[in-house]
PDB file of N, CA and C in Angstrom:
ATOM      1  N   LYS A   1      93.719 114.426  96.231  1.00  0.00           N
ATOM      2  CA  LYS A   1      92.394 114.279  95.656  1.00  0.00           C
ATOM      3  C   LYS A   1      91.625 113.135  96.322  1.00  0.00           C
ATOM      4  N   MET A   2      92.344 112.067  96.694  1.00  0.00           N
ATOM      5  CA  MET A   2      91.682 110.937  97.348  1.00  0.00           C
ATOM      6  C   MET A   2      91.085 111.374  98.683  1.00  0.00           C
ATOM      7  N   ALA A   3      91.836 112.124  99.465  1.00  0.00           N
ATOM      8  CA  ALA A   3      91.332 112.592 100.763  1.00  0.00           C
ATOM      9  C   ALA A   3      90.114 113.479 100.574  1.00  0.00           C
ATOM     10  N   GLU A   4      90.143 114.301  99.556  1.00  0.00           N
ATOM     11  CA  GLU A   4      89.008 115.180  99.268  1.00  0.00           C
ATOM     12  C   GLU A   4      87.789 114.349  98.865  1.00  0.00           C
ATOM     13  N   PHE A   5      87.995 113.368  97.990  1.00  0.00           N
ATOM     14  CA  PHE A   5      86.903 112.508  97.541  1.00  0.00           C
ATOM     15  C   PHE A   5      86.271 111.753  98.710  1.00  0.00           C
ATOM     16  N   LEU A   6      87.113 111.282  99.632  1.00  0.00           N
ATOM     17  CA  LEU A   6      86.626 110.525 100.786  1.00  0.00           C
ATOM     18  C   LEU A   6      86.142 111.426 101.916  1.00  0.00           C
ATOM     19  N   ASN A   7      86.233 112.739 101.702  1.00  0.00           N
ATOM     20  CA  ASN A   7      85.821 113.728 102.696  1.00  0.00           C
ATOM     21  C   ASN A   7      86.582 113.559 104.009  1.00  0.00           C
ATOM     22  N   LEU A   8      87.887 113.352 103.887  1.00  0.00           N
ATOM     23  CA  LEU A   8      88.744 113.225 105.055  1.00  0.00           C
ATOM     24  C   LEU A   8      89.335 114.600 105.349  1.00  0.00           C
ATOM     25  N   THR A   9      88.815 115.246 106.368  1.00  0.00           N
ATOM     26  CA  THR A   9      89.201 116.628 106.659  1.00  0.00           C
ATOM     27  C   THR A   9      90.244 116.739 107.761  1.00  0.00           C
ATOM     28  N   GLN A  10      90.471 115.662 108.503  1.00  0.00           N
ATOM     29  CA  GLN A  10      91.424 115.690 109.617  1.00  0.00           C
ATOM     30  C   GLN A  10      92.535 114.674 109.404  1.00  0.00           C
ATOM     31  N   LEU A  11      92.981 114.563 108.186  1.00  0.00           N
ATOM     32  CA  LEU A  11      93.960 113.545 107.809  1.00  0.00           C
ATOM     33  C   LEU A  11      95.246 113.625 108.628  1.00  0.00           C
ATOM     34  N   LYS A  12      95.675 114.827 108.967  1.00  0.00           N
ATOM     35  CA  LYS A  12      96.937 114.993 109.698  1.00  0.00           C
ATOM     36  C   LYS A  12      96.804 114.727 111.192  1.00  0.00           C
ATOM     37  N   THR A  13      95.593 114.718 111.714  1.00  0.00           N
ATOM     38  CA  THR A  13      95.412 114.555 113.161  1.00  0.00           C
ATOM     39  C   THR A  13      94.571 113.351 113.559  1.00  0.00           C
ATOM     40  N   SER A  14      93.975 112.674 112.608  1.00  0.00           N
ATOM     41  CA  SER A  14      93.094 111.544 112.926  1.00  0.00           C
ATOM     42  C   SER A  14      93.690 110.239 112.409  1.00  0.00           C
ATOM     43  N   LEU A  15      94.003 109.342 113.334  1.00  0.00           N
ATOM     44  CA  LEU A  15      94.549 108.045 112.948  1.00  0.00           C
ATOM     45  C   LEU A  15      93.547 107.265 112.103  1.00  0.00           C
ATOM     46  N   LYS A  16      92.266 107.342 112.444  1.00  0.00           N
ATOM     47  CA  LYS A  16      91.229 106.635 111.682  1.00  0.00           C
ATOM     48  C   LYS A  16      91.193 107.119 110.235  1.00  0.00           C
ATOM     49  N   GLU A  17      91.234 108.432 110.040  1.00  0.00           N
ATOM     50  CA  GLU A  17      91.215 108.969 108.681  1.00  0.00           C
ATOM     51  C   GLU A  17      92.481 108.602 107.916  1.00  0.00           C
ATOM     52  N   THR A  18      93.609 108.590 108.609  1.00  0.00           N
ATOM     53  CA  THR A  18      94.866 108.215 107.963  1.00  0.00           C
ATOM     54  C   THR A  18      94.820 106.765 107.501  1.00  0.00           C
ATOM     55  N   ILE A  19      94.262 105.898 108.323  1.00  0.00           N
ATOM     56  CA  ILE A  19      94.143 104.477 107.964  1.00  0.00           C
ATOM     57  C   ILE A  19      93.206 104.305 106.770  1.00  0.00           C
ATOM     58  N   LEU A  20      92.067 104.986 106.792  1.00  0.00           N
ATOM     59  CA  LEU A  20      91.140 104.912 105.658  1.00  0.00           C
ATOM     60  C   LEU A  20      91.789 105.428 104.382  1.00  0.00           C
ATOM     61  N   PHE A  21      92.515 106.516 104.489  1.00  0.00           N
ATOM     62  CA  PHE A  21      93.222 107.077 103.341  1.00  0.00           C
ATOM     63  C   PHE A  21      94.219 106.068 102.777  1.00  0.00           C
ATOM     64  N   ASP A  22      95.015 105.460 103.645  1.00  0.00           N
ATOM     65  CA  ASP A  22      95.987 104.460 103.201  1.00  0.00           C
ATOM     66  C   ASP A  22      95.313 103.257 102.555  1.00  0.00           C
ATOM     67  N   TYR A  23      94.219 102.803 103.151  1.00  0.00           N
ATOM     68  CA  TYR A  23      93.472 101.640 102.655  1.00  0.00           C
ATOM     69  C   TYR A  23      92.999 101.867 101.220  1.00  0.00           C
ATOM     70  N   TYR A  24      92.320 102.975 101.002  1.00  0.00           N
ATOM     71  CA  TYR A  24      91.773 103.253  99.677  1.00  0.00           C
ATOM     72  C   TYR A  24      92.861 103.645  98.670  1.00  0.00           C
ATOM     73  N   THR A  25      93.871 104.371  99.120  1.00  0.00           N
ATOM     74  CA  THR A  25      94.955 104.763  98.221  1.00  0.00           C
ATOM     75  C   THR A  25      95.750 103.541  97.766  1.00  0.00           C
ATOM     76  N   ALA A  26      96.055 102.648  98.690  1.00  0.00           N
ATOM     77  CA  ALA A  26      96.781 101.424  98.326  1.00  0.00           C
ATOM     78  C   ALA A  26      95.965 100.600  97.331  1.00  0.00           C
ATOM     79  N   GLY A  27      94.676 100.480  97.569  1.00  0.00           N
ATOM     80  CA  GLY A  27      93.817  99.739  96.650  1.00  0.00           C
ATOM     81  C   GLY A  27      93.749 100.381  95.276  1.00  0.00           C
ATOM     82  N   PHE A  28      93.627 101.706  95.254  1.00  0.00           N
ATOM     83  CA  PHE A  28      93.570 102.423  93.980  1.00  0.00           C
ATOM     84  C   PHE A  28      94.837 102.199  93.174  1.00  0.00           C
ATOM     85  N   TRP A  29      96.002 102.361  93.802  1.00  0.00           N
ATOM     86  CA  TRP A  29      97.260 102.203  93.058  1.00  0.00           C
ATOM     87  C   TRP A  29      97.490 100.758  92.637  1.00  0.00           C
ATOM     88  N   TRP A  30      97.043  99.807  93.450  1.00  0.00           N
ATOM     89  CA  TRP A  30      97.159  98.399  93.051  1.00  0.00           C
ATOM     90  C   TRP A  30      96.324  98.154  91.797  1.00  0.00           C
ATOM     91  N   ALA A  31      95.107  98.669  91.788  1.00  0.00           N
ATOM     92  CA  ALA A  31      94.229  98.502  90.624  1.00  0.00           C
ATOM     93  C   ALA A  31      94.839  99.156  89.385  1.00  0.00           C
ATOM     94  N   LYS A  32      95.455 100.320  89.553  1.00  0.00           N
ATOM     95  CA  LYS A  32      96.135 100.975  88.426  1.00  0.00           C
ATOM     96  C   LYS A  32      97.285 100.112  87.920  1.00  0.00           C
ATOM     97  N   GLU A  33      98.053  99.529  88.835  1.00  0.00           N
ATOM     98  CA  GLU A  33      99.174  98.666  88.459  1.00  0.00           C
ATOM     99  C   GLU A  33      98.693  97.401  87.748  1.00  0.00           C
ATOM    100  N   MET A  34      97.473  96.985  88.048  1.00  0.00           N
ATOM    101  CA  MET A  34      96.890  95.814  87.385  1.00  0.00           C
ATOM    102  C   MET A  34      96.335  96.177  86.005  1.00  0.00           C
ATOM    103  N   ASN A  35      96.456  97.451  85.621  1.00  0.00           N
ATOM    104  CA  ASN A  35      95.953  97.959  84.344  1.00  0.00           C
ATOM    105  C   ASN A  35      94.450  97.800  84.197  1.00  0.00           C
ATOM    106  N   PHE A  36      93.724  97.949  85.303  1.00  0.00           N
ATOM    107  CA  PHE A  36      92.272  97.915  85.241  1.00  0.00           C
ATOM    108  C   PHE A  36      91.780  99.138  84.474  1.00  0.00           C
ATOM    109  N   SER A  37      90.675  98.970  83.777  1.00  0.00           N
ATOM    110  CA  SER A  37      90.027 100.102  83.113  1.00  0.00           C
ATOM    111  C   SER A  37      89.410 100.998  84.187  1.00  0.00           C
ATOM    112  N   LEU A  38      88.949 102.168  83.789  1.00  0.00           N
ATOM    113  CA  LEU A  38      88.313 103.073  84.755  1.00  0.00           C
ATOM    114  C   LEU A  38      87.083 102.430  85.393  1.00  0.00           C
ATOM    115  N   ILE A  39      86.316 101.708  84.595  1.00  0.00           N
ATOM    116  CA  ILE A  39      85.127 101.037  85.128  1.00  0.00           C
ATOM    117  C   ILE A  39      85.533  99.945  86.119  1.00  0.00           C
ATOM    118  N   GLN A  40      86.595  99.206  85.796  1.00  0.00           N
ATOM    119  CA  GLN A  40      87.068  98.171  86.705  1.00  0.00           C
ATOM    120  C   GLN A  40      87.615  98.777  87.999  1.00  0.00           C
ATOM    121  N   ILE A  41      88.328  99.896  87.892  1.00  0.00           N
ATOM    122  CA  ILE A  41      88.831 100.559  89.100  1.00  0.00           C
ATOM    123  C   ILE A  41      87.662 100.985  89.975  1.00  0.00           C
ATOM    124  N   SER A  42      86.639 101.530  89.357  1.00  0.00           N
ATOM    125  CA  SER A  42      85.452 101.930  90.104  1.00  0.00           C
ATOM    126  C   SER A  42      84.819 100.725  90.807  1.00  0.00           C
ATOM    127  N   GLY A  43      84.681  99.620  90.081  1.00  0.00           N
ATOM    128  CA  GLY A  43      84.133  98.404  90.679  1.00  0.00           C
ATOM    129  C   GLY A  43      85.003  97.873  91.803  1.00  0.00           C
ATOM    130  N   PHE A  44      86.310  97.944  91.614  1.00  0.00           N
ATOM    131  CA  PHE A  44      87.237  97.478  92.643  1.00  0.00           C
ATOM    132  C   PHE A  44      87.147  98.350  93.894  1.00  0.00           C
ATOM    133  N   MET A  45      87.026  99.664  93.700  1.00  0.00           N
ATOM    134  CA  MET A  45      86.885 100.558  94.854  1.00  0.00           C
ATOM    135  C   MET A  45      85.592 100.239  95.606  1.00  0.00           C
ATOM    136  N   GLY A  46      84.560  99.870  94.869  1.00  0.00           N
ATOM    137  CA  GLY A  46      83.318  99.431  95.506  1.00  0.00           C
ATOM    138  C   GLY A  46      83.527  98.168  96.327  1.00  0.00           C
ATOM    139  N   LEU A  47      84.354  97.259  95.813  1.00  0.00           N
ATOM    140  CA  LEU A  47      84.664  96.041  96.564  1.00  0.00           C
ATOM    141  C   LEU A  47      85.451  96.356  97.831  1.00  0.00           C
ATOM    142  N   LEU A  48      86.369  97.325  97.745  1.00  0.00           N
ATOM    143  CA  LEU A  48      87.100  97.742  98.945  1.00  0.00           C
ATOM    144  C   LEU A  48      86.128  98.266  99.999  1.00  0.00           C
ATOM    145  N   ASN A  49      85.177  99.071  99.549  1.00  0.00           N
ATOM    146  CA  ASN A  49      84.175  99.611 100.468  1.00  0.00           C
ATOM    147  C   ASN A  49      83.304  98.490 101.036  1.00  0.00           C
ATOM    148  N   PHE A  50      82.910  97.549 100.186  1.00  0.00           N
ATOM    149  CA  PHE A  50      82.098  96.403 100.599  1.00  0.00           C
ATOM    150  C   PHE A  50      82.818  95.602 101.693  1.00  0.00           C
ATOM    151  N   ALA A  51      84.111  95.352 101.490  1.00  0.00           N
ATOM    152  CA  ALA A  51      84.891  94.590 102.470  1.00  0.00           C
ATOM    153  C   ALA A  51      84.980  95.341 103.796  1.00  0.00           C
ATOM    154  N   LEU A  52      85.223  96.629 103.720  1.00  0.00           N
ATOM    155  CA  LEU A  52      85.335  97.427 104.936  1.00  0.00           C
ATOM    156  C   LEU A  52      84.007  97.482 105.685  1.00  0.00           C
ATOM    157  N   GLU A  53      82.912  97.633 104.957  1.00  0.00           N
ATOM    158  CA  GLU A  53      81.592  97.655 105.596  1.00  0.00           C
ATOM    159  C   GLU A  53      81.273  96.309 106.250  1.00  0.00           C
ATOM    160  N   ASN A  54      81.651  95.213 105.585  1.00  0.00           N
ATOM    161  CA  ASN A  54      81.425  93.896 106.177  1.00  0.00           C
ATOM    162  C   ASN A  54      82.156  93.759 107.512  1.00  0.00           C
ATOM    163  N   LEU A  55      83.370  94.287 107.566  1.00  0.00           N
ATOM    164  CA  LEU A  55      84.153  94.183 108.792  1.00  0.00           C
ATOM    165  C   LEU A  55      83.650  95.129 109.879  1.00  0.00           C
ATOM    166  N   SER A  56      83.342  96.359 109.490  1.00  0.00           N
ATOM    167  CA  SER A  56      82.985  97.354 110.509  1.00  0.00           C
ATOM    168  C   SER A  56      81.514  97.299 110.919  1.00  0.00           C
ATOM    169  N   SER A  57      80.614  97.248 109.974  1.00  0.00           N
ATOM    170  CA  SER A  57      79.183  97.289 110.302  1.00  0.00           C
ATOM    171  C   SER A  57      78.612  95.923 110.637  1.00  0.00           C
ATOM    172  N   LYS A  58      78.953  94.932 109.830  1.00  0.00           N
ATOM    173  CA  LYS A  58      78.377  93.601 110.011  1.00  0.00           C
ATOM    174  C   LYS A  58      79.210  92.722 110.929  1.00  0.00           C
ATOM    175  N   ARG A  59      80.410  93.199 111.282  1.00  0.00           N
ATOM    176  CA  ARG A  59      81.317  92.465 112.185  1.00  0.00           C
ATOM    177  C   ARG A  59      81.614  91.047 111.678  1.00  0.00           C
ATOM    178  N   MET A  60      81.746  90.907 110.369  1.00  0.00           N
ATOM    179  CA  MET A  60      82.071  89.602 109.788  1.00  0.00           C
ATOM    180  C   MET A  60      83.507  89.221 110.126  1.00  0.00           C
ATOM    181  N   THR A  61      83.726  87.937 110.260  1.00  0.00           N
ATOM    182  CA  THR A  61      85.095  87.464 110.425  1.00  0.00           C
ATOM    183  C   THR A  61      85.825  87.633 109.093  1.00  0.00           C
ATOM    184  N   LEU A  62      87.122  87.586 109.128  1.00  0.00           N
ATOM    185  CA  LEU A  62      87.899  87.713 107.898  1.00  0.00           C
ATOM    186  C   LEU A  62      87.531  86.605 106.913  1.00  0.00           C
ATOM    187  N   GLY A  63      87.378  85.383 107.402  1.00  0.00           N
ATOM    188  CA  GLY A  63      87.013  84.262 106.536  1.00  0.00           C
ATOM    189  C   GLY A  63      85.663  84.450 105.867  1.00  0.00           C
ATOM    190  N   ASP A  64      84.672  84.877 106.642  1.00  0.00           N
ATOM    191  CA  ASP A  64      83.339  85.127 106.076  1.00  0.00           C
ATOM    192  C   ASP A  64      83.374  86.267 105.068  1.00  0.00           C
ATOM    193  N   ASN A  65      84.166  87.276 105.371  1.00  0.00           N
ATOM    194  CA  ASN A  65      84.275  88.416 104.470  1.00  0.00           C
ATOM    195  C   ASN A  65      84.896  87.995 103.134  1.00  0.00           C
ATOM    196  N   VAL A  66      85.927  87.185 103.188  1.00  0.00           N
ATOM    197  CA  VAL A  66      86.564  86.705 101.952  1.00  0.00           C
ATOM    198  C   VAL A  66      85.569  85.897 101.127  1.00  0.00           C
ATOM    199  N   LYS A  67      84.765  85.078 101.784  1.00  0.00           N
ATOM    200  CA  LYS A  67      83.739  84.307 101.073  1.00  0.00           C
ATOM    201  C   LYS A  67      82.732  85.233 100.391  1.00  0.00           C
ATOM    202  N   GLU A  68      82.298  86.272 101.082  1.00  0.00           N
ATOM    203  CA  GLU A  68      81.360  87.237 100.504  1.00  0.00           C
ATOM    204  C   GLU A  68      81.996  87.968  99.319  1.00  0.00           C
ATOM    205  N   LEU A  69      83.265  88.309  99.454  1.00  0.00           N
ATOM    206  CA  LEU A  69      83.964  88.988  98.358  1.00  0.00           C
ATOM    207  C   LEU A  69      84.094  88.074  97.142  1.00  0.00           C
ATOM    208  N   GLU A  70      84.374  86.809  97.385  1.00  0.00           N
ATOM    209  CA  GLU A  70      84.444  85.852  96.268  1.00  0.00           C
ATOM    210  C   GLU A  70      83.113  85.788  95.542  1.00  0.00           C
ATOM    211  N   LYS A  71      82.032  85.777  96.309  1.00  0.00           N
ATOM    212  CA  LYS A  71      80.700  85.761  95.694  1.00  0.00           C
ATOM    213  C   LYS A  71      80.466  87.033  94.884  1.00  0.00           C
ATOM    214  N   ALA A  72      80.862  88.165  95.449  1.00  0.00           N
ATOM    215  CA  ALA A  72      80.660  89.442  94.764  1.00  0.00           C
ATOM    216  C   ALA A  72      81.479  89.513  93.477  1.00  0.00           C
ATOM    217  N   VAL A  73      82.723  89.071  93.538  1.00  0.00           N
ATOM    218  CA  VAL A  73      83.602  89.142  92.361  1.00  0.00           C
ATOM    219  C   VAL A  73      83.133  88.196  91.269  1.00  0.00           C
ATOM    220  N   THR A  74      82.664  87.018  91.659  1.00  0.00           N
ATOM    221  CA  THR A  74      82.251  86.031  90.665  1.00  0.00           C
ATOM    222  C   THR A  74      80.803  86.190  90.252  1.00  0.00           C
ATOM    223  N   GLY A  75      80.077  87.087  90.915  1.00  0.00           N
ATOM    224  CA  GLY A  75      78.699  87.351  90.539  1.00  0.00           C
ATOM    225  C   GLY A  75      77.734  86.272  90.988  1.00  0.00           C
ATOM    226  N   ILE A  76      78.094  85.487  92.006  1.00  0.00           N
ATOM    227  CA  ILE A  76      77.202  84.439  92.496  1.00  0.00           C
ATOM    228  C   ILE A  76      75.931  85.060  93.069  1.00  0.00           C
ATOM    229  N   ARG A  77      76.081  86.206  93.725  1.00  0.00           N
ATOM    230  CA  ARG A  77      74.907  86.917  94.203  1.00  0.00           C
ATOM    231  C   ARG A  77      75.181  88.405  94.090  1.00  0.00           C
ATOM    232  N   GLU A  78      74.125  89.135  93.964  1.00  0.00           N
ATOM    233  CA  GLU A  78      74.245  90.591  93.845  1.00  0.00           C
ATOM    234  C   GLU A  78      74.413  91.187  95.232  1.00  0.00           C
ATOM    235  N   THR A  79      75.402  92.045  95.407  1.00  0.00           N
ATOM    236  CA  THR A  79      75.627  92.700  96.682  1.00  0.00           C
ATOM    237  C   THR A  79      75.038  94.098  96.635  1.00  0.00           C
ATOM    238  N   GLU A  80      74.867  94.682  97.803  1.00  0.00           N
ATOM    239  CA  GLU A  80      74.308  96.039  97.886  1.00  0.00           C
ATOM    240  C   GLU A  80      75.139  97.021  97.077  1.00  0.00           C
ATOM    241  N   SER A  81      76.469  96.864  97.109  1.00  0.00           N
ATOM    242  CA  SER A  81      77.335  97.822  96.428  1.00  0.00           C
ATOM    243  C   SER A  81      77.399  97.584  94.929  1.00  0.00           C
ATOM    244  N   GLU A  82      76.836  96.489  94.470  1.00  0.00           N
ATOM    245  CA  GLU A  82      76.916  96.166  93.047  1.00  0.00           C
ATOM    246  C   GLU A  82      75.556  96.073  92.373  1.00  0.00           C
ATOM    247  N   GLU A  83      74.530  96.645  92.957  1.00  0.00           N
ATOM    248  CA  GLU A  83      73.199  96.533  92.370  1.00  0.00           C
ATOM    249  C   GLU A  83      73.222  97.001  90.924  1.00  0.00           C
ATOM    250  N   GLY A  84      72.761  96.149  90.063  1.00  0.00           N
ATOM    251  CA  GLY A  84      72.734  96.489  88.652  1.00  0.00           C
ATOM    252  C   GLY A  84      74.092  96.411  87.986  1.00  0.00           C
ATOM    253  N   GLY A  85      75.077  95.870  88.684  1.00  0.00           N
ATOM    254  CA  GLY A  85      76.437  95.820  88.142  1.00  0.00           C
ATOM    255  C   GLY A  85      76.609  94.714  87.124  1.00  0.00           C
ATOM    256  N   ASP A  86      77.717  94.771  86.428  1.00  0.00           N
ATOM    257  CA  ASP A  86      78.053  93.790  85.411  1.00  0.00           C
ATOM    258  C   ASP A  86      78.891  92.692  86.049  1.00  0.00           C
ATOM    259  N   VAL A  87      78.365  91.461  86.061  1.00  0.00           N
ATOM    260  CA  VAL A  87      79.091  90.361  86.689  1.00  0.00           C
ATOM    261  C   VAL A  87      80.334  89.975  85.894  1.00  0.00           C
ATOM    262  N   ASN A  88      80.451  90.438  84.664  1.00  0.00           N
ATOM    263  CA  ASN A  88      81.619  90.150  83.849  1.00  0.00           C
ATOM    264  C   ASN A  88      82.623  91.292  83.871  1.00  0.00           C
ATOM    265  N   LEU A  89      82.617  92.069  84.909  1.00  0.00           N
ATOM    266  CA  LEU A  89      83.501  93.220  85.027  1.00  0.00           C
ATOM    267  C   LEU A  89      84.963  92.805  85.086  1.00  0.00           C
ATOM    268  N   PHE A  90      85.244  91.665  85.735  1.00  0.00           N
ATOM    269  CA  PHE A  90      86.607  91.187  85.893  1.00  0.00           C
ATOM    270  C   PHE A  90      86.758  89.800  85.280  1.00  0.00           C
ATOM    271  N   SER A  91      87.931  89.537  84.730  1.00  0.00           N
ATOM    272  CA  SER A  91      88.230  88.194  84.230  1.00  0.00           C
ATOM    273  C   SER A  91      88.448  87.272  85.430  1.00  0.00           C
ATOM    274  N   VAL A  92      88.510  85.987  85.177  1.00  0.00           N
ATOM    275  CA  VAL A  92      88.750  85.020  86.248  1.00  0.00           C
ATOM    276  C   VAL A  92      90.089  85.308  86.921  1.00  0.00           C
ATOM    277  N   ASP A  93      91.125  85.559  86.119  1.00  0.00           N
ATOM    278  CA  ASP A  93      92.444  85.851  86.684  1.00  0.00           C
ATOM    279  C   ASP A  93      92.439  87.139  87.501  1.00  0.00           C
ATOM    280  N   GLN A  94      91.724  88.142  87.017  1.00  0.00           N
ATOM    281  CA  GLN A  94      91.615  89.398  87.769  1.00  0.00           C
ATOM    282  C   GLN A  94      90.866  89.161  89.076  1.00  0.00           C
ATOM    283  N   GLY A  95      89.807  88.368  89.022  1.00  0.00           N
ATOM    284  CA  GLY A  95      89.049  88.058  90.231  1.00  0.00           C
ATOM    285  C   GLY A  95      89.914  87.350  91.268  1.00  0.00           C
ATOM    286  N   LYS A  96      90.721  86.399  90.818  1.00  0.00           N
ATOM    287  CA  LYS A  96      91.633  85.710  91.733  1.00  0.00           C
ATOM    288  C   LYS A  96      92.641  86.681  92.333  1.00  0.00           C
ATOM    289  N   ALA A  97      93.164  87.579  91.497  1.00  0.00           N
ATOM    290  CA  ALA A  97      94.144  88.573  91.983  1.00  0.00           C
ATOM    291  C   ALA A  97      93.500  89.505  93.010  1.00  0.00           C
ATOM    292  N   ILE A  98      92.247  89.875  92.773  1.00  0.00           N
ATOM    293  CA  ILE A  98      91.534  90.749  93.715  1.00  0.00           C
ATOM    294  C   ILE A  98      91.385  90.060  95.062  1.00  0.00           C
ATOM    295  N   ILE A  99      90.954  88.811  95.052  1.00  0.00           N
ATOM    296  CA  ILE A  99      90.786  88.072  96.297  1.00  0.00           C
ATOM    297  C   ILE A  99      92.121  87.927  97.001  1.00  0.00           C
ATOM    298  N   ASP A 100      93.185  87.621  96.255  1.00  0.00           N
ATOM    299  CA  ASP A 100      94.520  87.520  96.854  1.00  0.00           C
ATOM    300  C   ASP A 100      94.940  88.855  97.475  1.00  0.00           C
ATOM    301  N   PHE A 101      94.674  89.948  96.769  1.00  0.00           N
ATOM    302  CA  PHE A 101      95.035  91.273  97.291  1.00  0.00           C
ATOM    303  C   PHE A 101      94.304  91.586  98.579  1.00  0.00           C
ATOM    304  N   LEU A 102      92.999  91.320  98.561  1.00  0.00           N
ATOM    305  CA  LEU A 102      92.201  91.652  99.748  1.00  0.00           C
ATOM    306  C   LEU A 102      92.481  90.698 100.890  1.00  0.00           C
TER     307      LEU A 102
END
């Protein structure tokens, strides 16, 4: 279902699609193991996408990306992927765990 949702049609032959599948699947299962609610899982998946876009499109360094993610998780500034989002989506401990995971 994850491959279908991500529109990965060449999963068996494309290394790029396989990596994307692993990235999002690992994040999804980690969030489930953290007992996140459905809304929190959705927000976390958005953060995974935000981090990947920062690396691929904006060519941010890992350090800069982590700083941006910290801002997004703590609600210091609104990110494109979180427009209109709830800054209290994650507890402080959950936010720390997210940053550690990423």
